[in-house]
Amino acid sequence: EHPTQKPVSLMQWCMKWLKGQTIIDPYMGSGTTGVAALRSGRKFIGIEINEHYFSVACRRIEAAVNAEPLWTPPVERQEQLLT
């Protein structure tokens, strides 16, 4: 839905190299980075000047939030959650 939209999987791969827990995208476009951030268990802040793309991004990110499962913690974290 955006002329330079990237695959979510590419953005998730890029985030593997980051240590931060909050991702900021000052040029949010259609929200691919936001979806990738949420799927990787991170917080996300997005900024977009174009109202159309902002609306597109909000819909995509909301759909990602409402999708089940959004994120699965690593096995050792799952065990901690169960005990």
Protein backbone atom coordinates (compact mmCIF):
# COMPACT_ATOMS: atom_id res chain seq x y z
CA GLU A 1 0.00 0.00 0.00
CA HIS A 2 3.07 2.26 -0.17
CA PRO A 3 5.48 2.83 -3.10
CA THR A 4 8.53 1.80 -1.05
CA GLN A 5 6.92 -0.75 1.28
CA LYS A 6 9.29 -3.40 2.61
CA PRO A 7 8.50 -6.95 3.71
CA VAL A 8 7.77 -7.32 7.44
CA SER A 9 10.24 -10.23 7.54
CA LEU A 10 13.04 -7.92 6.33
CA MET A 11 12.35 -5.41 9.09
CA GLN A 12 12.21 -8.21 11.70
CA TRP A 13 15.60 -9.43 10.47
CA CYS A 14 17.02 -5.89 10.80
CA MET A 15 15.70 -5.65 14.36
CA LYS A 16 17.61 -8.77 15.41
CA TRP A 17 20.71 -6.58 15.49
CA LEU A 18 19.20 -3.95 17.80
CA LYS A 19 19.37 -4.07 21.58
CA GLY A 20 16.69 -1.46 22.29
CA GLN A 21 13.17 -2.37 23.33
CA THR A 22 11.50 0.65 21.68
CA ILE A 23 11.63 1.21 17.93
CA ILE A 24 11.08 4.72 16.53
CA ASP A 25 10.28 5.20 12.84
CA PRO A 26 10.16 8.90 11.91
CA TYR A 27 9.00 8.04 8.36
CA MET A 28 6.39 5.38 9.16
CA GLY A 29 4.79 5.08 5.72
CA SER A 30 2.42 2.12 5.75
CA GLY A 31 3.63 0.80 9.13
CA THR A 32 5.80 -2.17 8.19
CA THR A 33 8.39 -1.33 10.84
CA GLY A 34 5.63 -1.00 13.45
CA VAL A 35 4.23 -4.43 12.64
CA ALA A 36 7.74 -5.94 12.76
CA ALA A 37 8.48 -4.24 16.09
CA LEU A 38 5.30 -5.56 17.69
CA ARG A 39 5.88 -9.07 16.31
CA SER A 40 9.34 -9.03 17.88
CA GLY A 41 7.96 -8.03 21.28
CA ARG A 42 9.10 -4.40 21.17
CA LYS A 43 7.31 -1.11 21.71
CA PHE A 44 6.85 1.14 18.70
CA ILE A 45 6.60 4.88 18.03
CA GLY A 46 5.75 5.92 14.48
CA ILE A 47 5.64 9.34 12.87
CA GLU A 48 4.07 10.01 9.46
CA ILE A 49 3.21 13.40 7.91
CA ASN A 50 0.97 12.01 5.14
CA GLU A 51 -2.55 11.47 6.51
CA HIS A 52 -3.36 8.69 4.04
CA TYR A 53 -0.30 6.62 4.93
CA PHE A 54 -0.81 7.35 8.62
CA SER A 55 -4.31 5.84 8.36
CA VAL A 56 -2.97 2.84 6.45
CA ALA A 57 -0.27 2.31 9.10
CA CYS A 58 -2.78 2.59 11.95
CA ARG A 59 -5.00 -0.07 10.35
CA ARG A 60 -2.05 -2.43 9.73
CA ILE A 61 -0.65 -2.01 13.23
CA GLU A 62 -4.08 -2.44 14.82
CA ALA A 63 -4.59 -5.64 12.81
CA ALA A 64 -1.19 -6.89 14.02
CA VAL A 65 -2.09 -6.10 17.64
CA ASN A 66 -5.38 -7.98 17.32
CA ALA A 67 -3.78 -10.99 15.59
CA GLU A 68 -3.15 -14.06 17.70
CA PRO A 69 -0.44 -14.87 18.57
CA LEU A 70 1.37 -11.58 18.10
CA TRP A 71 4.58 -12.72 19.76
CA THR A 72 5.86 -15.91 21.32
CA PRO A 73 8.53 -15.53 24.02
CA PRO A 74 11.65 -17.73 23.87
CA VAL A 75 11.29 -21.18 25.44
CA GLU A 76 13.11 -20.24 28.65
CA ARG A 77 10.78 -17.24 29.13
CA GLN A 78 7.72 -19.45 28.49
CA GLU A 79 8.87 -21.77 31.27
CA GLN A 80 9.21 -18.81 33.66
CA LEU A 81 5.70 -17.66 32.78
CA LEU A 82 4.28 -21.11 33.52
CA THR A 83 5.85 -21.41 36.96
